[in-house]
Amino acid sequence: MTFAQRLVALLESGRRESTYKLAVVLALIDVCVESSQAADGALHVPVQELAHRVVSYYWPQVRPYHEHGRLAQLKGSGSSIPD
Protein backbone atom coordinates (compact mmCIF):
# COMPACT_ATOMS: atom_id res chain seq x y z
CA MET A 1 0.00 0.00 0.00
CA THR A 2 2.86 2.39 0.75
CA PHE A 3 4.33 1.71 -2.68
CA ALA A 4 1.00 2.54 -4.33
CA GLN A 5 0.71 5.81 -2.42
CA ARG A 6 4.24 6.83 -3.38
CA LEU A 7 3.64 5.89 -7.01
CA VAL A 8 0.45 7.96 -7.18
CA ALA A 9 2.26 10.93 -5.63
CA LEU A 10 5.01 10.59 -8.24
CA LEU A 11 2.53 10.37 -11.10
CA GLU A 12 0.54 13.35 -9.86
CA SER A 13 3.65 15.50 -9.86
CA GLY A 14 4.82 14.33 -13.31
CA ARG A 15 4.26 15.66 -16.81
CA ARG A 16 0.87 15.16 -18.43
CA GLU A 17 1.89 14.30 -21.99
CA SER A 18 0.99 10.61 -21.76
CA THR A 19 -2.15 10.60 -19.68
CA TYR A 20 -3.13 7.13 -20.84
CA LYS A 21 -0.18 5.78 -18.83
CA LEU A 22 -1.52 7.46 -15.73
CA ALA A 23 -4.94 5.94 -16.39
CA VAL A 24 -3.42 2.45 -16.75
CA VAL A 25 -1.41 2.72 -13.54
CA LEU A 26 -4.30 4.17 -11.53
CA ALA A 27 -6.66 1.48 -12.81
CA LEU A 28 -4.15 -1.26 -11.96
CA ILE A 29 -3.67 0.11 -8.45
CA ASP A 30 -7.43 0.37 -7.88
CA VAL A 31 -8.13 -3.16 -9.13
CA CYS A 32 -5.28 -4.59 -7.03
CA VAL A 33 -6.40 -2.79 -3.88
CA GLU A 34 -9.98 -4.00 -4.32
CA SER A 35 -9.05 -7.60 -5.15
CA SER A 36 -8.39 -10.38 -2.66
CA GLN A 37 -5.12 -12.26 -2.55
CA ALA A 38 -5.11 -16.02 -2.94
CA ALA A 39 -3.72 -18.18 -0.14
CA ASP A 40 -0.38 -18.39 -1.97
CA GLY A 41 -0.14 -14.59 -2.19
CA ALA A 42 -1.08 -14.40 -5.87
CA LEU A 43 -3.38 -11.65 -7.00
CA HIS A 44 -5.82 -12.17 -9.87
CA VAL A 45 -6.36 -9.00 -11.91
CA PRO A 46 -9.38 -9.36 -14.21
CA VAL A 47 -8.39 -7.87 -17.58
CA GLN A 48 -11.97 -6.83 -18.37
CA GLU A 49 -12.20 -4.85 -15.12
CA LEU A 50 -8.83 -3.27 -15.75
CA ALA A 51 -9.83 -2.28 -19.30
CA HIS A 52 -13.15 -0.86 -18.10
CA ARG A 53 -11.40 1.34 -15.55
CA VAL A 54 -8.71 2.53 -17.96
CA VAL A 55 -11.39 3.64 -20.40
CA SER A 56 -13.42 5.38 -17.69
CA TYR A 57 -10.34 7.22 -16.35
CA TYR A 58 -9.01 8.14 -19.78
CA TRP A 59 -12.29 9.03 -21.51
CA PRO A 60 -12.29 12.70 -20.39
CA GLN A 61 -9.00 13.10 -22.30
CA VAL A 62 -10.37 11.82 -25.61
CA ARG A 63 -13.86 13.25 -25.79
CA PRO A 64 -14.34 16.38 -27.93
CA TYR A 65 -13.24 19.57 -26.18
CA HIS A 66 -15.77 22.24 -27.09
CA GLU A 67 -15.12 23.63 -30.56
CA HIS A 68 -11.45 22.56 -30.58
CA GLY A 69 -12.01 18.82 -31.06
CA ARG A 70 -10.05 16.16 -29.16
CA LEU A 71 -7.09 17.11 -27.04
CA ALA A 72 -3.84 16.19 -28.80
CA GLN A 73 -1.39 13.91 -27.02
CA LEU A 74 1.51 14.28 -29.42
CA LYS A 75 1.73 17.50 -31.33
CA GLY A 76 2.33 17.03 -35.05
CA SER A 77 1.84 13.26 -35.09
CA GLY A 78 -1.58 13.44 -36.73
CA SER A 79 -2.88 10.48 -34.72
CA SER A 80 -4.35 10.02 -31.30
CA ILE A 81 -5.05 7.17 -28.91
CA PRO A 82 -8.70 6.69 -30.04
CA ASP A 83 -7.60 6.57 -33.70
PDB file of N, CA and C in Angstrom:
ATOM      1  N   MET A   1       0.818  -1.197   0.000  1.00  0.00           N
ATOM      2  CA  MET A   1       0.000   0.000   0.000  1.00  0.00           C
ATOM      3  C   MET A   1       0.864   1.264   0.000  1.00  0.00           C
ATOM      4  N   THR A   2       1.960   1.238   0.728  1.00  0.00           N
ATOM      5  CA  THR A   2       2.860   2.386   0.754  1.00  0.00           C
ATOM      6  C   THR A   2       3.439   2.653  -0.627  1.00  0.00           C
ATOM      7  N   PHE A   3       3.810   1.576  -1.324  1.00  0.00           N
ATOM      8  CA  PHE A   3       4.332   1.714  -2.682  1.00  0.00           C
ATOM      9  C   PHE A   3       3.303   2.394  -3.580  1.00  0.00           C
ATOM     10  N   ALA A   4       2.051   1.962  -3.495  1.00  0.00           N
ATOM     11  CA  ALA A   4       0.997   2.537  -4.333  1.00  0.00           C
ATOM     12  C   ALA A   4       0.824   4.023  -4.043  1.00  0.00           C
ATOM     13  N   GLN A   5       0.857   4.404  -2.780  1.00  0.00           N
ATOM     14  CA  GLN A   5       0.709   5.812  -2.418  1.00  0.00           C
ATOM     15  C   GLN A   5       1.868   6.643  -2.958  1.00  0.00           C
ATOM     16  N   ARG A   6       3.077   6.109  -2.870  1.00  0.00           N
ATOM     17  CA  ARG A   6       4.241   6.828  -3.384  1.00  0.00           C
ATOM     18  C   ARG A   6       4.202   6.933  -4.903  1.00  0.00           C
ATOM     19  N   LEU A   7       3.742   5.880  -5.559  1.00  0.00           N
ATOM     20  CA  LEU A   7       3.635   5.888  -7.012  1.00  0.00           C
ATOM     21  C   LEU A   7       2.613   6.915  -7.477  1.00  0.00           C
ATOM     22  N   VAL A   8       1.472   6.971  -6.824  1.00  0.00           N
ATOM     23  CA  VAL A   8       0.448   7.956  -7.183  1.00  0.00           C
ATOM     24  C   VAL A   8       0.980   9.370  -6.976  1.00  0.00           C
ATOM     25  N   ALA A   9       1.688   9.603  -5.877  1.00  0.00           N
ATOM     26  CA  ALA A   9       2.263  10.931  -5.632  1.00  0.00           C
ATOM     27  C   ALA A   9       3.253  11.302  -6.727  1.00  0.00           C
ATOM     28  N   LEU A  10       4.064  10.350  -7.161  1.00  0.00           N
ATOM     29  CA  LEU A  10       5.013  10.591  -8.242  1.00  0.00           C
ATOM     30  C   LEU A  10       4.295  10.909  -9.545  1.00  0.00           C
ATOM     31  N   LEU A  11       3.274  10.152  -9.859  1.00  0.00           N
ATOM     32  CA  LEU A  11       2.532  10.374 -11.102  1.00  0.00           C
ATOM     33  C   LEU A  11       1.794  11.706 -11.092  1.00  0.00           C
ATOM     34  N   GLU A  12       1.269  12.087  -9.945  1.00  0.00           N
ATOM     35  CA  GLU A  12       0.536  13.353  -9.863  1.00  0.00           C
ATOM     36  C   GLU A  12       1.451  14.553 -10.048  1.00  0.00           C
ATOM     37  N   SER A  13       2.721  14.389  -9.715  1.00  0.00           N
ATOM     38  CA  SER A  13       3.654  15.500  -9.862  1.00  0.00           C
ATOM     39  C   SER A  13       4.358  15.497 -11.221  1.00  0.00           C
ATOM     40  N   GLY A  14       4.130  14.468 -12.031  1.00  0.00           N
ATOM     41  CA  GLY A  14       4.823  14.333 -13.315  1.00  0.00           C
ATOM     42  C   GLY A  14       4.169  15.107 -14.432  1.00  0.00           C
ATOM     43  N   ARG A  15       4.793  14.998 -15.615  1.00  0.00           N
ATOM     44  CA  ARG A  15       4.265  15.659 -16.807  1.00  0.00           C
ATOM     45  C   ARG A  15       2.994  14.955 -17.271  1.00  0.00           C
ATOM     46  N   ARG A  16       2.178  15.675 -18.003  1.00  0.00           N
ATOM     47  CA  ARG A  16       0.873  15.160 -18.433  1.00  0.00           C
ATOM     48  C   ARG A  16       0.806  14.904 -19.933  1.00  0.00           C
ATOM     49  N   GLU A  17       1.898  14.519 -20.549  1.00  0.00           N
ATOM     50  CA  GLU A  17       1.892  14.300 -21.994  1.00  0.00           C
ATOM     51  C   GLU A  17       1.374  12.926 -22.372  1.00  0.00           C
ATOM     52  N   SER A  18       1.455  11.970 -21.486  1.00  0.00           N
ATOM     53  CA  SER A  18       0.994  10.610 -21.764  1.00  0.00           C
ATOM     54  C   SER A  18      -0.013  10.198 -20.705  1.00  0.00           C
ATOM     55  N   THR A  19      -1.164  10.824 -20.734  1.00  0.00           N
ATOM     56  CA  THR A  19      -2.146  10.604 -19.682  1.00  0.00           C
ATOM     57  C   THR A  19      -2.733   9.205 -19.708  1.00  0.00           C
ATOM     58  N   TYR A  20      -2.628   8.496 -20.826  1.00  0.00           N
ATOM     59  CA  TYR A  20      -3.132   7.126 -20.843  1.00  0.00           C
ATOM     60  C   TYR A  20      -2.307   6.247 -19.912  1.00  0.00           C
ATOM     61  N   LYS A  21      -1.021   6.555 -19.754  1.00  0.00           N
ATOM     62  CA  LYS A  21      -0.181   5.782 -18.833  1.00  0.00           C
ATOM     63  C   LYS A  21      -0.647   5.970 -17.399  1.00  0.00           C
ATOM     64  N   LEU A  22      -0.986   7.182 -17.051  1.00  0.00           N
ATOM     65  CA  LEU A  22      -1.519   7.461 -15.725  1.00  0.00           C
ATOM     66  C   LEU A  22      -2.818   6.693 -15.511  1.00  0.00           C
ATOM     67  N   ALA A  23      -3.674   6.674 -16.503  1.00  0.00           N
ATOM     68  CA  ALA A  23      -4.941   5.944 -16.391  1.00  0.00           C
ATOM     69  C   ALA A  23      -4.702   4.453 -16.186  1.00  0.00           C
ATOM     70  N   VAL A  24      -3.725   3.884 -16.892  1.00  0.00           N
ATOM     71  CA  VAL A  24      -3.421   2.454 -16.749  1.00  0.00           C
ATOM     72  C   VAL A  24      -2.899   2.154 -15.347  1.00  0.00           C
ATOM     73  N   VAL A  25      -1.983   2.963 -14.865  1.00  0.00           N
ATOM     74  CA  VAL A  25      -1.412   2.722 -13.537  1.00  0.00           C
ATOM     75  C   VAL A  25      -2.469   2.899 -12.452  1.00  0.00           C
ATOM     76  N   LEU A  26      -3.262   3.951 -12.532  1.00  0.00           N
ATOM     77  CA  LEU A  26      -4.302   4.166 -11.526  1.00  0.00           C
ATOM     78  C   LEU A  26      -5.329   3.037 -11.538  1.00  0.00           C
ATOM     79  N   ALA A  27      -5.703   2.586 -12.720  1.00  0.00           N
ATOM     80  CA  ALA A  27      -6.658   1.479 -12.815  1.00  0.00           C
ATOM     81  C   ALA A  27      -6.067   0.209 -12.222  1.00  0.00           C
ATOM     82  N   LEU A  28      -4.811  -0.068 -12.505  1.00  0.00           N
ATOM     83  CA  LEU A  28      -4.151  -1.257 -11.964  1.00  0.00           C
ATOM     84  C   LEU A  28      -4.073  -1.195 -10.445  1.00  0.00           C
ATOM     85  N   ILE A  29      -3.723  -0.044  -9.913  1.00  0.00           N
ATOM     86  CA  ILE A  29      -3.672   0.110  -8.453  1.00  0.00           C
ATOM     87  C   ILE A  29      -5.048  -0.118  -7.850  1.00  0.00           C
ATOM     88  N   ASP A  30      -6.073   0.506  -8.422  1.00  0.00           N
ATOM     89  CA  ASP A  30      -7.428   0.366  -7.877  1.00  0.00           C
ATOM     90  C   ASP A  30      -7.906  -1.081  -7.899  1.00  0.00           C
ATOM     91  N   VAL A  31      -7.690  -1.763  -9.021  1.00  0.00           N
ATOM     92  CA  VAL A  31      -8.133  -3.155  -9.128  1.00  0.00           C
ATOM     93  C   VAL A  31      -7.372  -4.027  -8.126  1.00  0.00           C
ATOM     94  N   CYS A  32      -6.075  -3.795  -7.982  1.00  0.00           N
ATOM     95  CA  CYS A  32      -5.280  -4.589  -7.035  1.00  0.00           C
ATOM     96  C   CYS A  32      -5.710  -4.352  -5.593  1.00  0.00           C
ATOM     97  N   VAL A  33      -5.979  -3.107  -5.244  1.00  0.00           N
ATOM     98  CA  VAL A  33      -6.402  -2.789  -3.877  1.00  0.00           C
ATOM     99  C   VAL A  33      -7.748  -3.426  -3.565  1.00  0.00           C
ATOM    100  N   GLU A  34      -8.627  -3.466  -4.542  1.00  0.00           N
ATOM    101  CA  GLU A  34      -9.975  -3.997  -4.320  1.00  0.00           C
ATOM    102  C   GLU A  34     -10.070  -5.512  -4.456  1.00  0.00           C
ATOM    103  N   SER A  35      -9.027  -6.158  -4.958  1.00  0.00           N
ATOM    104  CA  SER A  35      -9.049  -7.601  -5.151  1.00  0.00           C
ATOM    105  C   SER A  35      -8.489  -8.314  -3.924  1.00  0.00           C
ATOM    106  N   SER A  36      -8.872  -9.565  -3.777  1.00  0.00           N
ATOM    107  CA  SER A  36      -8.386 -10.376  -2.661  1.00  0.00           C
ATOM    108  C   SER A  36      -7.233 -11.249  -3.117  1.00  0.00           C
ATOM    109  N   GLN A  37      -6.244 -11.387  -2.249  1.00  0.00           N
ATOM    110  CA  GLN A  37      -5.119 -12.262  -2.546  1.00  0.00           C
ATOM    111  C   GLN A  37      -5.506 -13.712  -2.331  1.00  0.00           C
ATOM    112  N   ALA A  38      -4.932 -14.577  -3.132  1.00  0.00           N
ATOM    113  CA  ALA A  38      -5.106 -16.019  -2.942  1.00  0.00           C
ATOM    114  C   ALA A  38      -4.254 -16.450  -1.748  1.00  0.00           C
ATOM    115  N   ALA A  39      -4.460 -17.653  -1.293  1.00  0.00           N
ATOM    116  CA  ALA A  39      -3.716 -18.178  -0.138  1.00  0.00           C
ATOM    117  C   ALA A  39      -2.215 -18.179  -0.388  1.00  0.00           C
ATOM    118  N   ASP A  40      -1.814 -18.364  -1.646  1.00  0.00           N
ATOM    119  CA  ASP A  40      -0.381 -18.394  -1.967  1.00  0.00           C
ATOM    120  C   ASP A  40       0.206 -17.003  -2.215  1.00  0.00           C
ATOM    121  N   GLY A  41      -0.601 -15.959  -2.016  1.00  0.00           N
ATOM    122  CA  GLY A  41      -0.139 -14.588  -2.193  1.00  0.00           C
ATOM    123  C   GLY A  41      -0.349 -14.035  -3.584  1.00  0.00           C
ATOM    124  N   ALA A  42      -0.825 -14.866  -4.503  1.00  0.00           N
ATOM    125  CA  ALA A  42      -1.078 -14.405  -5.871  1.00  0.00           C
ATOM    126  C   ALA A  42      -2.286 -13.475  -5.900  1.00  0.00           C
ATOM    127  N   LEU A  43      -2.283 -12.599  -6.848  1.00  0.00           N
ATOM    128  CA  LEU A  43      -3.383 -11.652  -7.001  1.00  0.00           C
ATOM    129  C   LEU A  43      -3.908 -11.741  -8.423  1.00  0.00           C
ATOM    130  N   HIS A  44      -5.175 -12.056  -8.557  1.00  0.00           N
ATOM    131  CA  HIS A  44      -5.816 -12.169  -9.870  1.00  0.00           C
ATOM    132  C   HIS A  44      -6.349 -10.792 -10.259  1.00  0.00           C
ATOM    133  N   VAL A  45      -5.898 -10.293 -11.407  1.00  0.00           N
ATOM    134  CA  VAL A  45      -6.361  -9.001 -11.915  1.00  0.00           C
ATOM    135  C   VAL A  45      -7.197  -9.272 -13.155  1.00  0.00           C
ATOM    136  N   PRO A  46      -8.526  -9.120 -13.048  1.00  0.00           N
ATOM    137  CA  PRO A  46      -9.385  -9.360 -14.214  1.00  0.00           C
ATOM    138  C   PRO A  46      -9.123  -8.312 -15.309  1.00  0.00           C
ATOM    139  N   VAL A  47      -8.745  -8.768 -16.479  1.00  0.00           N
ATOM    140  CA  VAL A  47      -8.389  -7.874 -17.576  1.00  0.00           C
ATOM    141  C   VAL A  47      -9.585  -7.018 -17.984  1.00  0.00           C
ATOM    142  N   GLN A  48     -10.783  -7.600 -17.986  1.00  0.00           N
ATOM    143  CA  GLN A  48     -11.972  -6.828 -18.371  1.00  0.00           C
ATOM    144  C   GLN A  48     -12.211  -5.671 -17.405  1.00  0.00           C
ATOM    145  N   GLU A  49     -12.027  -5.919 -16.122  1.00  0.00           N
ATOM    146  CA  GLU A  49     -12.203  -4.853 -15.124  1.00  0.00           C
ATOM    147  C   GLU A  49     -11.133  -3.783 -15.301  1.00  0.00           C
ATOM    148  N   LEU A  50      -9.919  -4.213 -15.535  1.00  0.00           N
ATOM    149  CA  LEU A  50      -8.827  -3.268 -15.752  1.00  0.00           C
ATOM    150  C   LEU A  50      -9.113  -2.400 -16.980  1.00  0.00           C
ATOM    151  N   ALA A  51      -9.525  -3.023 -18.069  1.00  0.00           N
ATOM    152  CA  ALA A  51      -9.834  -2.284 -19.302  1.00  0.00           C
ATOM    153  C   ALA A  51     -10.975  -1.298 -19.087  1.00  0.00           C
ATOM    154  N   HIS A  52     -12.010  -1.726 -18.381  1.00  0.00           N
ATOM    155  CA  HIS A  52     -13.154  -0.857 -18.101  1.00  0.00           C
ATOM    156  C   HIS A  52     -12.709   0.394 -17.337  1.00  0.00           C
ATOM    157  N   ARG A  53     -11.859   0.201 -16.350  1.00  0.00           N
ATOM    158  CA  ARG A  53     -11.399   1.339 -15.545  1.00  0.00           C
ATOM    159  C   ARG A  53     -10.479   2.262 -16.344  1.00  0.00           C
ATOM    160  N   VAL A  54      -9.600   1.693 -17.150  1.00  0.00           N
ATOM    161  CA  VAL A  54      -8.715   2.530 -17.958  1.00  0.00           C
ATOM    162  C   VAL A  54      -9.548   3.430 -18.868  1.00  0.00           C
ATOM    163  N   VAL A  55     -10.535   2.852 -19.514  1.00  0.00           N
ATOM    164  CA  VAL A  55     -11.392   3.639 -20.400  1.00  0.00           C
ATOM    165  C   VAL A  55     -12.138   4.715 -19.615  1.00  0.00           C
ATOM    166  N   SER A  56     -12.667   4.384 -18.454  1.00  0.00           N
ATOM    167  CA  SER A  56     -13.422   5.381 -17.688  1.00  0.00           C
ATOM    168  C   SER A  56     -12.519   6.502 -17.176  1.00  0.00           C
ATOM    169  N   TYR A  57     -11.272   6.190 -16.813  1.00  0.00           N
ATOM    170  CA  TYR A  57     -10.343   7.224 -16.350  1.00  0.00           C
ATOM    171  C   TYR A  57      -9.826   8.072 -17.504  1.00  0.00           C
ATOM    172  N   TYR A  58      -9.618   7.443 -18.651  1.00  0.00           N
ATOM    173  CA  TYR A  58      -9.010   8.141 -19.777  1.00  0.00           C
ATOM    174  C   TYR A  58     -10.030   8.872 -20.655  1.00  0.00           C
ATOM    175  N   TRP A  59     -11.282   8.469 -20.611  1.00  0.00           N
ATOM    176  CA  TRP A  59     -12.292   9.031 -21.509  1.00  0.00           C
ATOM    177  C   TRP A  59     -12.350  10.553 -21.497  1.00  0.00           C
ATOM    178  N   PRO A  60     -12.258  11.236 -20.342  1.00  0.00           N
ATOM    179  CA  PRO A  60     -12.292  12.705 -20.391  1.00  0.00           C
ATOM    180  C   PRO A  60     -11.184  13.313 -21.254  1.00  0.00           C
ATOM    181  N   GLN A  61     -10.088  12.584 -21.475  1.00  0.00           N
ATOM    182  CA  GLN A  61      -8.997  13.102 -22.301  1.00  0.00           C
ATOM    183  C   GLN A  61      -9.260  12.950 -23.793  1.00  0.00           C
ATOM    184  N   VAL A  62     -10.174  12.074 -24.181  1.00  0.00           N
ATOM    185  CA  VAL A  62     -10.366  11.820 -25.606  1.00  0.00           C
ATOM    186  C   VAL A  62     -11.706  12.316 -26.147  1.00  0.00           C
ATOM    187  N   ARG A  63     -12.585  12.741 -25.284  1.00  0.00           N
ATOM    188  CA  ARG A  63     -13.858  13.253 -25.792  1.00  0.00           C
ATOM    189  C   ARG A  63     -13.637  14.637 -26.405  1.00  0.00           C
ATOM    190  N   PRO A  64     -14.504  15.055 -27.300  1.00  0.00           N
ATOM    191  CA  PRO A  64     -14.342  16.375 -27.929  1.00  0.00           C
ATOM    192  C   PRO A  64     -14.308  17.495 -26.880  1.00  0.00           C
ATOM    193  N   TYR A  65     -13.423  18.441 -27.090  1.00  0.00           N
ATOM    194  CA  TYR A  65     -13.244  19.569 -26.180  1.00  0.00           C
ATOM    195  C   TYR A  65     -13.810  20.825 -26.821  1.00  0.00           C
ATOM    196  N   HIS A  66     -15.060  21.086 -26.538  1.00  0.00           N
ATOM    197  CA  HIS A  66     -15.775  22.240 -27.089  1.00  0.00           C
ATOM    198  C   HIS A  66     -15.585  22.307 -28.604  1.00  0.00           C
ATOM    199  N   GLU A  67     -15.257  23.473 -29.116  1.00  0.00           N
ATOM    200  CA  GLU A  67     -15.118  23.626 -30.559  1.00  0.00           C
ATOM    201  C   GLU A  67     -13.727  23.242 -31.071  1.00  0.00           C
ATOM    202  N   HIS A  68     -12.832  22.848 -30.186  1.00  0.00           N
ATOM    203  CA  HIS A  68     -11.454  22.556 -30.578  1.00  0.00           C
ATOM    204  C   HIS A  68     -11.222  21.094 -30.934  1.00  0.00           C
ATOM    205  N   GLY A  69     -12.191  20.237 -30.765  1.00  0.00           N
ATOM    206  CA  GLY A  69     -12.008  18.821 -31.059  1.00  0.00           C
ATOM    207  C   GLY A  69     -11.314  18.102 -29.907  1.00  0.00           C
ATOM    208  N   ARG A  70     -10.728  16.938 -30.201  1.00  0.00           N
ATOM    209  CA  ARG A  70     -10.052  16.164 -29.161  1.00  0.00           C
ATOM    210  C   ARG A  70      -8.743  16.828 -28.762  1.00  0.00           C
ATOM    211  N   LEU A  71      -8.375  16.624 -27.507  1.00  0.00           N
ATOM    212  CA  LEU A  71      -7.085  17.113 -27.044  1.00  0.00           C
ATOM    213  C   LEU A  71      -5.980  16.273 -27.676  1.00  0.00           C
ATOM    214  N   ALA A  72      -4.936  16.896 -28.139  1.00  0.00           N
ATOM    215  CA  ALA A  72      -3.836  16.186 -28.803  1.00  0.00           C
ATOM    216  C   ALA A  72      -2.831  15.692 -27.772  1.00  0.00           C
ATOM    217  N   GLN A  73      -2.411  14.454 -27.901  1.00  0.00           N
ATOM    218  CA  GLN A  73      -1.388  13.910 -27.022  1.00  0.00           C
ATOM    219  C   GLN A  73       0.005  14.247 -27.546  1.00  0.00           C
ATOM    220  N   LEU A  74       0.208  14.023 -28.815  1.00  0.00           N
ATOM    221  CA  LEU A  74       1.513  14.280 -29.423  1.00  0.00           C
ATOM    222  C   LEU A  74       1.330  15.301 -30.535  1.00  0.00           C
ATOM    223  N   LYS A  75       1.894  16.440 -30.341  1.00  0.00           N
ATOM    224  CA  LYS A  75       1.735  17.502 -31.334  1.00  0.00           C
ATOM    225  C   LYS A  75       2.456  17.124 -32.642  1.00  0.00           C
ATOM    226  N   GLY A  76       1.747  17.276 -33.746  1.00  0.00           N
ATOM    227  CA  GLY A  76       2.332  17.035 -35.046  1.00  0.00           C
ATOM    228  C   GLY A  76       2.298  15.594 -35.515  1.00  0.00           C
ATOM    229  N   SER A  77       1.830  14.662 -34.676  1.00  0.00           N
ATOM    230  CA  SER A  77       1.845  13.260 -35.087  1.00  0.00           C
ATOM    231  C   SER A  77       0.673  12.935 -35.993  1.00  0.00           C
ATOM    232  N   GLY A  78      -0.427  13.686 -35.889  1.00  0.00           N
ATOM    233  CA  GLY A  78      -1.584  13.439 -36.727  1.00  0.00           C
ATOM    234  C   GLY A  78      -2.468  12.308 -36.246  1.00  0.00           C
ATOM    235  N   SER A  79      -2.056  11.569 -35.237  1.00  0.00           N
ATOM    236  CA  SER A  79      -2.885  10.482 -34.721  1.00  0.00           C
ATOM    237  C   SER A  79      -3.084  10.658 -33.224  1.00  0.00           C
ATOM    238  N   SER A  80      -4.064   9.961 -32.729  1.00  0.00           N
ATOM    239  CA  SER A  80      -4.351  10.019 -31.300  1.00  0.00           C
ATOM    240  C   SER A  80      -4.691   8.628 -30.802  1.00  0.00           C
ATOM    241  N   ILE A  81      -4.764   8.476 -29.514  1.00  0.00           N
ATOM    242  CA  ILE A  81      -5.052   7.171 -28.912  1.00  0.00           C
ATOM    243  C   ILE A  81      -6.349   6.566 -29.463  1.00  0.00           C
ATOM    244  N   PRO A  82      -7.469   7.307 -29.527  1.00  0.00           N
ATOM    245  CA  PRO A  82      -8.702   6.695 -30.044  1.00  0.00           C
ATOM    246  C   PRO A  82      -8.596   6.246 -31.492  1.00  0.00           C
ATOM    247  N   ASP A  83      -7.777   6.966 -32.289  1.00  0.00           N
ATOM    248  CA  ASP A  83      -7.597   6.567 -33.695  1.00  0.00           C
ATOM    249  C   ASP A  83      -6.941   5.206 -33.767  1.00  0.00           C
TER     250      ASP A  83
END
